Amino acid sequence: MKFKLGVLLLALVLACGIAYANEEDLLVHYTFDEFEENVVVDASPNEINGEVNGELNLGDGVIGQAFFFDGETFVGMPEISLADYPNLTLSLWVNPEELGSWVMMFRMWGELNDFFFMFLDDQVTLFWAPAGYGPRFAIPVGEWSHLALVCTDDTVIFYLNGEEVAAYSTPKQIGDMGQLESISIGGGDHNPNFKGAVDDFRIYKRALAPEEIQAVYQEVVQ
């Protein structure tokens, strides 16, 4: 499915004075439009490049190219510390070829606990030890959906296509994970890996407000 930039909508958002996240707020940004051999180039100022583990498959995305995961390939990220980031926002466009259970879209292994953004019983959810499972919601197969996960001081908020769909309380901040030993998009070495396409993957260093999530979503319109 082809999408085009929502320039007019974005201009209206900015003209109305609504807050909008900028480049300095980004921790990681993978557009999947720039590679150096098997390295995914980070478009943020932080140069946290990813490494393709498996076959490099590209195709049409919502903006430029998307990375197509074949159920075995994943993108590994360097070890980083979240100690300085008590709040984070995860944003990505995803087009699943199939769903399943314990299928990893994004995961982080930390010194103290684990963080899995995944499919469980064909629905999107989060497993974050020690908070356990979050709420579940459905997304379509074979279509692009924008997913965002906002981690605040004591709450995780789920967004689908710019709108809040669920939230749950957590006993810890995301920064309590400390030094991350393993970070990956599309899976890893253990649980089933994601099969489908991912585009415009971002991690922000703070919790974006609802209007900012909507603005990120409106960058791409059908």
N, C-alpha and C. Protein backbone atom coordinates (compact mmCIF):
# COMPACT_ATOMS: atom_id res chain seq x y z
N MET A 1 0.84 -1.19 0.00
CA MET A 1 0.00 0.00 0.00
C MET A 1 0.88 1.24 0.00
N LYS A 2 0.55 2.17 -0.85
CA LYS A 2 1.33 3.41 -0.96
C LYS A 2 0.74 4.50 -0.07
N PHE A 3 1.60 5.27 0.52
CA PHE A 3 1.19 6.42 1.31
C PHE A 3 1.95 7.65 0.81
N LYS A 4 1.45 8.81 1.08
CA LYS A 4 2.16 10.04 0.74
C LYS A 4 2.27 10.90 1.98
N LEU A 5 3.22 11.79 1.98
CA LEU A 5 3.44 12.67 3.13
C LEU A 5 2.26 13.59 3.35
N GLY A 6 1.84 13.68 4.60
CA GLY A 6 0.73 14.59 4.92
C GLY A 6 1.23 15.98 5.22
N VAL A 7 1.80 16.63 4.22
CA VAL A 7 2.43 17.94 4.43
C VAL A 7 1.40 18.97 4.88
N LEU A 8 0.26 19.00 4.21
CA LEU A 8 -0.75 19.99 4.56
C LEU A 8 -1.26 19.79 5.98
N LEU A 9 -1.54 18.53 6.33
CA LEU A 9 -2.04 18.26 7.68
C LEU A 9 -1.01 18.63 8.74
N LEU A 10 0.24 18.31 8.46
CA LEU A 10 1.30 18.63 9.40
C LEU A 10 1.44 20.14 9.55
N ALA A 11 1.33 20.87 8.44
CA ALA A 11 1.43 22.32 8.50
C ALA A 11 0.30 22.91 9.36
N LEU A 12 -0.89 22.32 9.24
CA LEU A 12 -2.01 22.80 10.04
C LEU A 12 -1.77 22.55 11.52
N VAL A 13 -1.18 21.36 11.84
CA VAL A 13 -0.86 21.05 13.23
C VAL A 13 0.09 22.09 13.81
N LEU A 14 1.15 22.39 13.04
CA LEU A 14 2.14 23.34 13.51
C LEU A 14 1.57 24.74 13.61
N ALA A 15 0.71 25.11 12.64
CA ALA A 15 0.13 26.45 12.62
C ALA A 15 -0.77 26.68 13.82
N CYS A 16 -1.35 25.60 14.33
CA CYS A 16 -2.24 25.72 15.48
C CYS A 16 -1.48 25.76 16.80
N GLY A 17 -0.16 25.70 16.71
CA GLY A 17 0.64 25.80 17.93
C GLY A 17 0.71 24.54 18.74
N ILE A 18 0.36 23.39 18.17
CA ILE A 18 0.40 22.13 18.89
C ILE A 18 1.84 21.66 19.02
N ALA A 19 2.21 21.12 20.18
CA ALA A 19 3.58 20.65 20.41
C ALA A 19 3.93 19.56 19.40
N TYR A 20 5.20 19.57 19.01
CA TYR A 20 5.64 18.58 18.04
C TYR A 20 7.06 18.15 18.39
N ALA A 21 7.29 16.84 18.44
CA ALA A 21 8.61 16.32 18.77
C ALA A 21 9.59 16.67 17.66
N ASN A 22 10.83 16.96 18.03
CA ASN A 22 11.83 17.31 17.04
C ASN A 22 13.00 16.33 17.08
N GLU A 23 13.99 16.59 16.23
CA GLU A 23 15.12 15.67 16.09
C GLU A 23 15.88 15.47 17.39
N GLU A 24 15.97 16.52 18.20
CA GLU A 24 16.72 16.44 19.44
C GLU A 24 16.04 15.51 20.45
N ASP A 25 14.76 15.23 20.27
CA ASP A 25 14.04 14.33 21.17
C ASP A 25 14.30 12.86 20.85
N LEU A 26 14.88 12.59 19.69
CA LEU A 26 15.06 11.22 19.25
C LEU A 26 16.27 10.56 19.91
N LEU A 27 16.10 9.31 20.31
CA LEU A 27 17.22 8.48 20.72
C LEU A 27 17.70 7.64 19.54
N VAL A 28 16.75 7.09 18.79
CA VAL A 28 17.04 6.27 17.61
C VAL A 28 15.99 6.57 16.55
N HIS A 29 16.40 6.58 15.28
CA HIS A 29 15.47 6.72 14.17
C HIS A 29 15.97 5.93 12.98
N TYR A 30 15.29 4.82 12.68
CA TYR A 30 15.62 4.01 11.52
C TYR A 30 14.56 4.25 10.44
N THR A 31 14.95 4.94 9.40
CA THR A 31 14.04 5.16 8.27
C THR A 31 14.04 3.97 7.32
N PHE A 32 15.08 3.14 7.40
CA PHE A 32 15.30 2.00 6.50
C PHE A 32 15.50 2.45 5.06
N ASP A 33 15.94 3.70 4.90
CA ASP A 33 16.27 4.22 3.57
C ASP A 33 17.77 4.30 3.34
N GLU A 34 18.56 4.12 4.41
CA GLU A 34 20.01 4.23 4.27
C GLU A 34 20.69 3.06 4.98
N PHE A 35 21.53 2.37 4.22
CA PHE A 35 22.27 1.22 4.74
C PHE A 35 23.73 1.34 4.33
N GLU A 36 24.58 0.74 5.15
CA GLU A 36 25.99 0.56 4.80
C GLU A 36 26.27 -0.93 4.94
N GLU A 37 26.17 -1.64 3.80
CA GLU A 37 26.22 -3.10 3.77
C GLU A 37 25.09 -3.65 4.64
N ASN A 38 25.41 -4.33 5.75
CA ASN A 38 24.35 -4.90 6.59
C ASN A 38 24.05 -4.03 7.81
N VAL A 39 24.38 -2.76 7.73
CA VAL A 39 24.17 -1.84 8.85
C VAL A 39 23.03 -0.88 8.52
N VAL A 40 22.04 -0.80 9.43
CA VAL A 40 20.94 0.17 9.30
C VAL A 40 21.42 1.49 9.89
N VAL A 41 21.45 2.53 9.08
CA VAL A 41 21.99 3.82 9.52
C VAL A 41 20.94 4.56 10.34
N ASP A 42 21.34 5.02 11.51
CA ASP A 42 20.48 5.80 12.40
C ASP A 42 20.39 7.23 11.89
N ALA A 43 19.17 7.70 11.62
CA ALA A 43 18.97 9.06 11.12
C ALA A 43 18.95 10.10 12.24
N SER A 44 18.97 9.66 13.50
CA SER A 44 19.04 10.61 14.61
C SER A 44 20.47 11.11 14.77
N PRO A 45 20.69 12.14 15.58
CA PRO A 45 22.06 12.64 15.78
C PRO A 45 22.95 11.69 16.59
N ASN A 46 22.38 10.59 17.12
CA ASN A 46 23.11 9.76 18.08
C ASN A 46 23.92 8.63 17.46
N GLU A 47 23.70 8.36 16.17
CA GLU A 47 24.48 7.35 15.44
C GLU A 47 24.43 5.98 16.11
N ILE A 48 23.24 5.59 16.56
CA ILE A 48 23.05 4.25 17.14
C ILE A 48 22.60 3.33 16.01
N ASN A 49 23.54 2.92 15.19
CA ASN A 49 23.22 2.12 14.01
C ASN A 49 22.84 0.70 14.40
N GLY A 50 21.98 0.08 13.58
CA GLY A 50 21.56 -1.30 13.81
C GLY A 50 22.28 -2.25 12.87
N GLU A 51 22.33 -3.52 13.26
CA GLU A 51 22.98 -4.54 12.46
C GLU A 51 21.96 -5.58 12.01
N VAL A 52 21.91 -5.84 10.71
CA VAL A 52 20.98 -6.82 10.16
C VAL A 52 21.54 -8.22 10.41
N ASN A 53 20.76 -9.03 11.11
CA ASN A 53 21.12 -10.42 11.35
C ASN A 53 20.22 -11.29 10.47
N GLY A 54 20.73 -11.72 9.34
CA GLY A 54 19.94 -12.47 8.38
C GLY A 54 19.95 -11.78 7.04
N GLU A 55 18.92 -12.04 6.26
CA GLU A 55 18.85 -11.52 4.89
C GLU A 55 18.25 -10.12 4.87
N LEU A 56 18.85 -9.24 4.09
CA LEU A 56 18.37 -7.87 3.94
C LEU A 56 17.32 -7.83 2.84
N ASN A 57 16.06 -7.59 3.22
CA ASN A 57 14.95 -7.51 2.27
C ASN A 57 14.27 -6.16 2.41
N LEU A 58 14.19 -5.43 1.30
CA LEU A 58 13.58 -4.11 1.30
C LEU A 58 12.44 -4.05 0.29
N GLY A 59 11.49 -3.15 0.55
CA GLY A 59 10.37 -2.95 -0.36
C GLY A 59 9.74 -1.60 -0.08
N ASP A 60 8.60 -1.34 -0.71
CA ASP A 60 7.91 -0.07 -0.53
C ASP A 60 7.40 0.06 0.91
N GLY A 61 7.66 1.22 1.49
CA GLY A 61 7.17 1.49 2.83
C GLY A 61 6.17 2.61 2.83
N VAL A 62 5.86 3.11 4.03
CA VAL A 62 4.95 4.25 4.12
C VAL A 62 5.66 5.53 3.71
N ILE A 63 6.98 5.56 3.97
CA ILE A 63 7.83 6.66 3.50
C ILE A 63 9.09 6.01 2.93
N GLY A 64 9.28 6.06 1.65
CA GLY A 64 10.46 5.44 1.07
C GLY A 64 10.44 3.94 1.21
N GLN A 65 11.56 3.37 1.72
CA GLN A 65 11.69 1.93 1.84
C GLN A 65 11.24 1.44 3.21
N ALA A 66 10.85 0.17 3.25
CA ALA A 66 10.57 -0.53 4.50
C ALA A 66 11.44 -1.76 4.57
N PHE A 67 11.68 -2.24 5.79
CA PHE A 67 12.44 -3.47 5.99
C PHE A 67 11.45 -4.62 6.11
N PHE A 68 11.65 -5.66 5.31
CA PHE A 68 10.77 -6.83 5.32
C PHE A 68 11.44 -7.96 6.09
N PHE A 69 10.81 -8.34 7.20
CA PHE A 69 11.31 -9.42 8.05
C PHE A 69 10.69 -10.74 7.59
N ASP A 70 11.54 -11.76 7.47
CA ASP A 70 11.09 -13.04 6.91
C ASP A 70 10.79 -14.10 7.95
N GLY A 71 10.73 -13.72 9.22
CA GLY A 71 10.50 -14.69 10.28
C GLY A 71 11.77 -15.26 10.87
N GLU A 72 12.90 -14.90 10.30
CA GLU A 72 14.20 -15.33 10.83
C GLU A 72 15.14 -14.14 11.05
N THR A 73 15.04 -13.16 10.17
CA THR A 73 15.89 -11.98 10.25
C THR A 73 15.46 -11.06 11.39
N PHE A 74 16.43 -10.40 12.02
CA PHE A 74 16.12 -9.34 12.97
C PHE A 74 17.22 -8.29 12.89
N VAL A 75 16.92 -7.11 13.42
CA VAL A 75 17.88 -6.01 13.47
C VAL A 75 18.30 -5.82 14.91
N GLY A 76 19.60 -6.04 15.18
CA GLY A 76 20.13 -5.85 16.52
C GLY A 76 20.66 -4.44 16.70
N MET A 77 20.53 -3.92 17.91
CA MET A 77 20.98 -2.56 18.22
C MET A 77 22.07 -2.63 19.27
N PRO A 78 22.95 -1.62 19.31
CA PRO A 78 24.03 -1.61 20.31
C PRO A 78 23.48 -1.52 21.73
N GLU A 79 24.29 -1.97 22.69
CA GLU A 79 23.92 -1.84 24.09
C GLU A 79 23.88 -0.36 24.47
N ILE A 80 22.81 0.03 25.13
CA ILE A 80 22.68 1.41 25.61
C ILE A 80 22.13 1.37 27.04
N SER A 81 22.27 2.46 27.74
CA SER A 81 21.73 2.57 29.09
C SER A 81 20.49 3.44 29.08
N LEU A 82 19.45 2.99 29.77
CA LEU A 82 18.23 3.78 29.90
C LEU A 82 18.17 4.53 31.22
N ALA A 83 19.26 4.50 31.98
CA ALA A 83 19.24 5.10 33.31
C ALA A 83 18.91 6.59 33.27
N ASP A 84 19.26 7.26 32.17
CA ASP A 84 19.01 8.70 32.07
C ASP A 84 17.66 9.01 31.41
N TYR A 85 16.89 7.98 31.10
CA TYR A 85 15.63 8.18 30.39
C TYR A 85 14.48 7.51 31.15
N PRO A 86 13.93 8.18 32.15
CA PRO A 86 12.82 7.58 32.91
C PRO A 86 11.56 7.42 32.07
N ASN A 87 11.44 8.21 30.99
CA ASN A 87 10.29 8.14 30.11
C ASN A 87 10.77 7.95 28.67
N LEU A 88 10.04 7.16 27.90
CA LEU A 88 10.39 6.91 26.50
C LEU A 88 9.12 6.79 25.67
N THR A 89 9.28 6.95 24.35
CA THR A 89 8.21 6.68 23.40
C THR A 89 8.75 5.83 22.27
N LEU A 90 8.05 4.76 21.97
CA LEU A 90 8.37 3.89 20.84
C LEU A 90 7.33 4.13 19.75
N SER A 91 7.80 4.33 18.51
CA SER A 91 6.89 4.60 17.38
C SER A 91 7.37 3.82 16.16
N LEU A 92 6.45 3.16 15.49
CA LEU A 92 6.81 2.43 14.27
C LEU A 92 5.57 2.16 13.43
N TRP A 93 5.79 2.01 12.13
CA TRP A 93 4.77 1.54 11.21
C TRP A 93 5.02 0.06 10.97
N VAL A 94 3.95 -0.74 11.02
CA VAL A 94 4.10 -2.18 10.89
C VAL A 94 3.02 -2.74 9.96
N ASN A 95 3.42 -3.69 9.13
CA ASN A 95 2.51 -4.35 8.19
C ASN A 95 2.76 -5.86 8.31
N PRO A 96 2.04 -6.54 9.22
CA PRO A 96 2.32 -7.95 9.47
C PRO A 96 1.81 -8.85 8.34
N GLU A 97 2.63 -9.83 7.99
CA GLU A 97 2.20 -10.87 7.04
C GLU A 97 1.40 -11.94 7.76
N GLU A 98 1.75 -12.16 9.03
CA GLU A 98 1.01 -13.09 9.89
C GLU A 98 1.22 -12.66 11.32
N LEU A 99 0.38 -13.18 12.24
CA LEU A 99 0.47 -12.80 13.64
C LEU A 99 1.01 -13.97 14.46
N GLY A 100 0.28 -14.46 15.45
CA GLY A 100 0.75 -15.59 16.23
C GLY A 100 0.83 -15.25 17.71
N SER A 101 1.63 -16.05 18.46
CA SER A 101 1.83 -15.85 19.89
C SER A 101 3.31 -15.81 20.22
N TRP A 102 3.65 -14.87 21.09
CA TRP A 102 5.04 -14.62 21.49
C TRP A 102 5.91 -14.30 20.29
N VAL A 103 5.31 -13.64 19.31
CA VAL A 103 6.05 -13.19 18.12
C VAL A 103 6.55 -11.78 18.40
N MET A 104 7.86 -11.60 18.37
CA MET A 104 8.48 -10.36 18.81
C MET A 104 8.53 -9.31 17.70
N MET A 105 7.98 -8.11 17.96
CA MET A 105 8.21 -6.96 17.11
C MET A 105 9.42 -6.17 17.59
N PHE A 106 9.51 -6.02 18.92
CA PHE A 106 10.61 -5.25 19.52
C PHE A 106 10.85 -5.79 20.92
N ARG A 107 12.12 -5.95 21.28
CA ARG A 107 12.40 -6.44 22.62
C ARG A 107 13.65 -5.79 23.18
N MET A 108 13.68 -5.67 24.51
CA MET A 108 14.85 -5.17 25.23
C MET A 108 15.10 -6.09 26.42
N TRP A 109 16.34 -6.54 26.53
CA TRP A 109 16.77 -7.28 27.71
C TRP A 109 17.60 -6.35 28.56
N GLY A 110 17.22 -6.21 29.84
CA GLY A 110 17.96 -5.32 30.72
C GLY A 110 18.64 -6.05 31.86
N GLU A 111 19.38 -5.31 32.65
CA GLU A 111 20.03 -5.88 33.83
C GLU A 111 18.99 -6.40 34.82
N LEU A 112 17.83 -5.72 34.86
CA LEU A 112 16.86 -6.03 35.90
C LEU A 112 15.59 -6.69 35.39
N ASN A 113 15.18 -6.40 34.16
CA ASN A 113 13.94 -6.99 33.66
C ASN A 113 13.91 -6.97 32.14
N ASP A 114 12.86 -7.53 31.58
CA ASP A 114 12.71 -7.67 30.13
C ASP A 114 11.49 -6.89 29.66
N PHE A 115 11.53 -6.49 28.38
CA PHE A 115 10.49 -5.64 27.79
C PHE A 115 10.22 -6.18 26.40
N PHE A 116 9.05 -6.80 26.19
CA PHE A 116 8.71 -7.41 24.91
C PHE A 116 7.46 -6.74 24.33
N PHE A 117 7.58 -6.08 23.20
CA PHE A 117 6.43 -5.56 22.45
C PHE A 117 6.15 -6.57 21.36
N MET A 118 5.02 -7.26 21.43
CA MET A 118 4.87 -8.48 20.65
C MET A 118 3.41 -8.77 20.31
N PHE A 119 3.23 -9.88 19.58
CA PHE A 119 1.91 -10.44 19.33
C PHE A 119 1.69 -11.62 20.28
N LEU A 120 0.51 -11.67 20.89
CA LEU A 120 0.11 -12.78 21.74
C LEU A 120 -1.33 -13.13 21.38
N ASP A 121 -1.55 -14.38 20.99
CA ASP A 121 -2.88 -14.82 20.54
C ASP A 121 -3.41 -13.89 19.45
N ASP A 122 -2.52 -13.54 18.50
CA ASP A 122 -2.87 -12.74 17.33
C ASP A 122 -3.24 -11.29 17.66
N GLN A 123 -2.85 -10.81 18.83
CA GLN A 123 -3.10 -9.43 19.20
C GLN A 123 -1.81 -8.77 19.69
N VAL A 124 -1.77 -7.45 19.57
CA VAL A 124 -0.62 -6.69 20.05
C VAL A 124 -0.68 -6.55 21.56
N THR A 125 0.45 -6.75 22.21
CA THR A 125 0.51 -6.54 23.66
C THR A 125 1.94 -6.23 24.06
N LEU A 126 2.12 -6.00 25.34
CA LEU A 126 3.44 -5.76 25.92
C LEU A 126 3.61 -6.69 27.11
N PHE A 127 4.76 -7.34 27.18
CA PHE A 127 5.14 -8.07 28.39
C PHE A 127 6.35 -7.37 28.98
N TRP A 128 6.20 -6.87 30.19
CA TRP A 128 7.28 -6.15 30.85
C TRP A 128 7.40 -6.69 32.27
N ALA A 129 8.44 -7.49 32.50
CA ALA A 129 8.68 -7.97 33.86
C ALA A 129 9.23 -6.80 34.69
N PRO A 130 8.72 -6.56 35.90
CA PRO A 130 7.80 -7.40 36.65
C PRO A 130 6.33 -7.00 36.53
N ALA A 131 5.97 -6.10 35.61
CA ALA A 131 4.58 -5.64 35.51
C ALA A 131 3.67 -6.69 34.90
N GLY A 132 4.25 -7.65 34.14
CA GLY A 132 3.43 -8.67 33.52
C GLY A 132 2.86 -8.21 32.18
N TYR A 133 1.78 -8.83 31.76
CA TYR A 133 1.18 -8.54 30.47
C TYR A 133 0.35 -7.25 30.52
N GLY A 134 0.43 -6.50 29.44
CA GLY A 134 -0.41 -5.34 29.27
C GLY A 134 -1.69 -5.70 28.55
N PRO A 135 -2.54 -4.72 28.26
CA PRO A 135 -3.76 -4.97 27.50
C PRO A 135 -3.44 -5.40 26.08
N ARG A 136 -4.42 -6.00 25.42
CA ARG A 136 -4.24 -6.48 24.04
C ARG A 136 -5.21 -5.75 23.11
N PHE A 137 -4.78 -5.58 21.87
CA PHE A 137 -5.68 -5.02 20.85
C PHE A 137 -5.26 -5.57 19.49
N ALA A 138 -6.19 -5.55 18.57
CA ALA A 138 -5.97 -6.17 17.26
C ALA A 138 -5.52 -5.14 16.23
N ILE A 139 -4.72 -5.60 15.27
CA ILE A 139 -4.38 -4.81 14.09
C ILE A 139 -4.57 -5.71 12.87
N PRO A 140 -4.79 -5.13 11.69
CA PRO A 140 -5.05 -5.96 10.50
C PRO A 140 -3.77 -6.58 9.95
N VAL A 141 -3.92 -7.72 9.30
CA VAL A 141 -2.84 -8.37 8.57
C VAL A 141 -2.83 -7.83 7.14
N GLY A 142 -1.66 -7.57 6.62
CA GLY A 142 -1.54 -7.13 5.24
C GLY A 142 -1.83 -5.66 5.02
N GLU A 143 -1.89 -4.88 6.10
CA GLU A 143 -2.12 -3.44 6.00
C GLU A 143 -1.16 -2.72 6.94
N TRP A 144 -0.83 -1.49 6.58
CA TRP A 144 0.03 -0.68 7.44
C TRP A 144 -0.76 -0.11 8.61
N SER A 145 -0.18 -0.22 9.80
CA SER A 145 -0.73 0.40 11.01
C SER A 145 0.39 1.14 11.73
N HIS A 146 0.05 2.27 12.31
CA HIS A 146 1.04 2.99 13.12
C HIS A 146 0.82 2.63 14.59
N LEU A 147 1.89 2.14 15.23
CA LEU A 147 1.84 1.78 16.64
C LEU A 147 2.76 2.70 17.42
N ALA A 148 2.31 3.10 18.59
CA ALA A 148 3.15 3.90 19.49
C ALA A 148 2.93 3.41 20.91
N LEU A 149 3.99 3.44 21.67
CA LEU A 149 3.98 3.00 23.05
C LEU A 149 4.66 4.10 23.86
N VAL A 150 3.92 4.73 24.76
CA VAL A 150 4.45 5.84 25.56
C VAL A 150 4.62 5.36 27.00
N CYS A 151 5.85 5.37 27.48
CA CYS A 151 6.18 4.95 28.84
C CYS A 151 6.39 6.18 29.70
N THR A 152 5.46 6.44 30.62
CA THR A 152 5.58 7.56 31.54
C THR A 152 6.09 7.05 32.89
N ASP A 153 6.01 7.90 33.92
CA ASP A 153 6.54 7.51 35.22
C ASP A 153 5.92 6.23 35.76
N ASP A 154 4.60 6.05 35.57
CA ASP A 154 3.95 4.89 36.15
C ASP A 154 2.90 4.26 35.24
N THR A 155 2.90 4.64 33.96
CA THR A 155 1.87 4.16 33.05
C THR A 155 2.48 3.91 31.67
N VAL A 156 1.98 2.87 31.00
CA VAL A 156 2.29 2.63 29.60
C VAL A 156 1.01 2.85 28.80
N ILE A 157 1.08 3.71 27.77
CA ILE A 157 -0.09 4.06 26.97
C ILE A 157 0.14 3.55 25.55
N PHE A 158 -0.85 2.84 25.02
CA PHE A 158 -0.79 2.28 23.68
C PHE A 158 -1.58 3.16 22.71
N TYR A 159 -1.02 3.41 21.55
CA TYR A 159 -1.70 4.17 20.50
C TYR A 159 -1.73 3.34 19.22
N LEU A 160 -2.84 3.42 18.52
CA LEU A 160 -3.01 2.80 17.21
C LEU A 160 -3.50 3.86 16.24
N ASN A 161 -2.71 4.11 15.21
CA ASN A 161 -3.06 5.11 14.19
C ASN A 161 -3.40 6.47 14.82
N GLY A 162 -2.56 6.87 15.76
CA GLY A 162 -2.67 8.19 16.35
C GLY A 162 -3.64 8.34 17.50
N GLU A 163 -4.38 7.27 17.82
CA GLU A 163 -5.40 7.36 18.87
C GLU A 163 -5.07 6.39 20.01
N GLU A 164 -5.27 6.86 21.25
CA GLU A 164 -5.05 5.98 22.39
C GLU A 164 -6.07 4.84 22.39
N VAL A 165 -5.57 3.61 22.59
CA VAL A 165 -6.45 2.45 22.59
C VAL A 165 -6.41 1.69 23.91
N ALA A 166 -5.36 1.88 24.73
CA ALA A 166 -5.26 1.15 25.99
C ALA A 166 -4.17 1.78 26.84
N ALA A 167 -4.19 1.44 28.13
CA ALA A 167 -3.15 1.89 29.05
C ALA A 167 -3.14 0.95 30.25
N TYR A 168 -1.98 0.85 30.90
CA TYR A 168 -1.93 0.11 32.16
C TYR A 168 -0.82 0.63 33.05
N SER A 169 -0.98 0.41 34.34
CA SER A 169 -0.03 0.92 35.32
C SER A 169 1.15 -0.02 35.48
N THR A 170 2.31 0.56 35.77
CA THR A 170 3.52 -0.23 35.96
C THR A 170 4.18 0.17 37.27
N PRO A 171 4.86 -0.78 37.93
CA PRO A 171 5.50 -0.47 39.20
C PRO A 171 6.84 0.22 39.05
N LYS A 172 7.38 0.30 37.84
CA LYS A 172 8.70 0.86 37.63
C LYS A 172 8.70 1.81 36.44
N GLN A 173 9.73 2.64 36.37
CA GLN A 173 9.96 3.47 35.20
C GLN A 173 10.82 2.69 34.20
N ILE A 174 10.74 3.09 32.94
CA ILE A 174 11.53 2.41 31.92
C ILE A 174 13.03 2.57 32.20
N GLY A 175 13.41 3.69 32.82
CA GLY A 175 14.82 3.91 33.12
C GLY A 175 15.37 2.93 34.15
N ASP A 176 14.47 2.28 34.90
CA ASP A 176 14.91 1.31 35.89
C ASP A 176 15.49 0.05 35.26
N MET A 177 15.35 -0.10 33.94
CA MET A 177 15.95 -1.25 33.27
C MET A 177 17.47 -1.13 33.22
N GLY A 178 17.98 0.07 33.42
CA GLY A 178 19.43 0.26 33.47
C GLY A 178 20.11 -0.04 32.16
N GLN A 179 21.26 -0.71 32.25
CA GLN A 179 22.03 -1.05 31.06
C GLN A 179 21.33 -2.16 30.28
N LEU A 180 21.06 -1.89 29.00
CA LEU A 180 20.41 -2.89 28.15
C LEU A 180 21.46 -3.80 27.54
N GLU A 181 21.28 -5.09 27.72
CA GLU A 181 22.23 -6.07 27.21
C GLU A 181 21.90 -6.50 25.79
N SER A 182 20.62 -6.40 25.42
CA SER A 182 20.21 -6.81 24.08
C SER A 182 18.97 -6.02 23.67
N ILE A 183 19.00 -5.45 22.46
CA ILE A 183 17.86 -4.71 21.91
C ILE A 183 17.71 -5.17 20.47
N SER A 184 16.49 -5.46 20.06
CA SER A 184 16.31 -5.92 18.68
C SER A 184 14.92 -5.59 18.16
N ILE A 185 14.85 -5.43 16.85
CA ILE A 185 13.59 -5.23 16.13
C ILE A 185 13.33 -6.48 15.31
N GLY A 186 12.13 -7.02 15.41
CA GLY A 186 11.77 -8.18 14.60
C GLY A 186 12.02 -9.52 15.26
N GLY A 187 12.57 -9.53 16.47
CA GLY A 187 12.79 -10.79 17.17
C GLY A 187 14.17 -10.90 17.73
N GLY A 188 14.75 -12.10 17.66
CA GLY A 188 16.05 -12.35 18.22
C GLY A 188 16.40 -13.81 18.12
N ASP A 189 17.04 -14.32 19.15
CA ASP A 189 17.55 -15.69 19.12
C ASP A 189 16.65 -16.71 19.79
N HIS A 190 15.54 -16.29 20.39
CA HIS A 190 14.77 -17.22 21.20
C HIS A 190 13.33 -17.38 20.70
N ASN A 191 12.48 -16.39 21.00
CA ASN A 191 11.06 -16.51 20.65
C ASN A 191 10.85 -16.40 19.15
N PRO A 192 9.64 -16.76 18.66
CA PRO A 192 9.37 -16.61 17.22
C PRO A 192 9.58 -15.18 16.75
N ASN A 193 10.12 -15.04 15.57
CA ASN A 193 10.42 -13.72 15.03
C ASN A 193 9.28 -13.21 14.17
N PHE A 194 9.23 -11.90 14.05
CA PHE A 194 8.18 -11.22 13.29
C PHE A 194 8.32 -11.50 11.79
N LYS A 195 7.16 -11.63 11.13
CA LYS A 195 7.13 -11.81 9.68
C LYS A 195 6.24 -10.73 9.10
N GLY A 196 6.85 -9.80 8.36
CA GLY A 196 6.13 -8.67 7.79
C GLY A 196 7.08 -7.50 7.61
N ALA A 197 6.53 -6.32 7.44
CA ALA A 197 7.34 -5.13 7.15
C ALA A 197 7.26 -4.13 8.30
N VAL A 198 8.38 -3.42 8.50
CA VAL A 198 8.46 -2.35 9.49
C VAL A 198 9.07 -1.13 8.81
N ASP A 199 8.54 0.05 9.12
CA ASP A 199 9.07 1.28 8.56
C ASP A 199 9.08 2.37 9.63
N ASP A 200 9.97 3.34 9.44
CA ASP A 200 10.04 4.54 10.25
C ASP A 200 10.02 4.22 11.75
N PHE A 201 11.00 3.45 12.19
CA PHE A 201 11.12 3.05 13.59
C PHE A 201 11.80 4.16 14.39
N ARG A 202 11.17 4.57 15.49
CA ARG A 202 11.72 5.66 16.30
C ARG A 202 11.63 5.33 17.78
N ILE A 203 12.63 5.75 18.52
CA ILE A 203 12.56 5.80 19.98
C ILE A 203 12.85 7.23 20.40
N TYR A 204 11.90 7.82 21.12
CA TYR A 204 12.08 9.17 21.64
C TYR A 204 12.54 9.11 23.10
N LYS A 205 13.32 10.09 23.50
CA LYS A 205 13.91 10.12 24.84
C LYS A 205 12.96 10.66 25.90
N ARG A 206 11.72 10.85 25.53
CA ARG A 206 10.73 11.34 26.49
C ARG A 206 9.36 10.81 26.11
N ALA A 207 8.42 11.01 26.98
CA ALA A 207 7.04 10.60 26.72
C ALA A 207 6.35 11.67 25.87
N LEU A 208 5.97 11.31 24.67
CA LEU A 208 5.26 12.26 23.80
C LEU A 208 3.82 12.42 24.27
N ALA A 209 3.32 13.63 24.13
CA ALA A 209 1.93 13.93 24.46
C ALA A 209 1.01 13.38 23.37
N PRO A 210 -0.29 13.22 23.67
CA PRO A 210 -1.22 12.69 22.68
C PRO A 210 -1.21 13.45 21.36
N GLU A 211 -1.13 14.79 21.42
CA GLU A 211 -1.13 15.57 20.19
C GLU A 211 0.16 15.36 19.39
N GLU A 212 1.25 15.03 20.08
CA GLU A 212 2.50 14.75 19.38
C GLU A 212 2.45 13.39 18.69
N ILE A 213 1.84 12.41 19.34
CA ILE A 213 1.65 11.10 18.70
C ILE A 213 0.79 11.27 17.45
N GLN A 214 -0.26 12.07 17.55
CA GLN A 214 -1.13 12.30 16.40
C GLN A 214 -0.35 12.99 15.28
N ALA A 215 0.53 13.92 15.63
CA ALA A 215 1.32 14.62 14.62
C ALA A 215 2.29 13.67 13.91
N VAL A 216 2.92 12.75 14.67
CA VAL A 216 3.80 11.75 14.06
C VAL A 216 3.02 10.88 13.09
N TYR A 217 1.84 10.46 13.51
CA TYR A 217 0.98 9.64 12.64
C TYR A 217 0.58 10.42 11.38
N GLN A 218 0.28 11.70 11.52
CA GLN A 218 -0.19 12.51 10.40
C GLN A 218 0.91 12.86 9.41
N GLU A 219 2.17 12.56 9.78
CA GLU A 219 3.23 12.74 8.79
C GLU A 219 3.01 11.85 7.57
N VAL A 220 2.29 10.78 7.78
CA VAL A 220 2.00 9.83 6.71
C VAL A 220 0.50 9.64 6.64
N VAL A 221 -0.09 9.92 5.48
CA VAL A 221 -1.53 9.73 5.32
C VAL A 221 -1.78 8.92 4.07
N GLN A 222 -2.90 8.23 4.07
CA GLN A 222 -3.23 7.39 2.93
C GLN A 222 -3.63 8.22 1.73
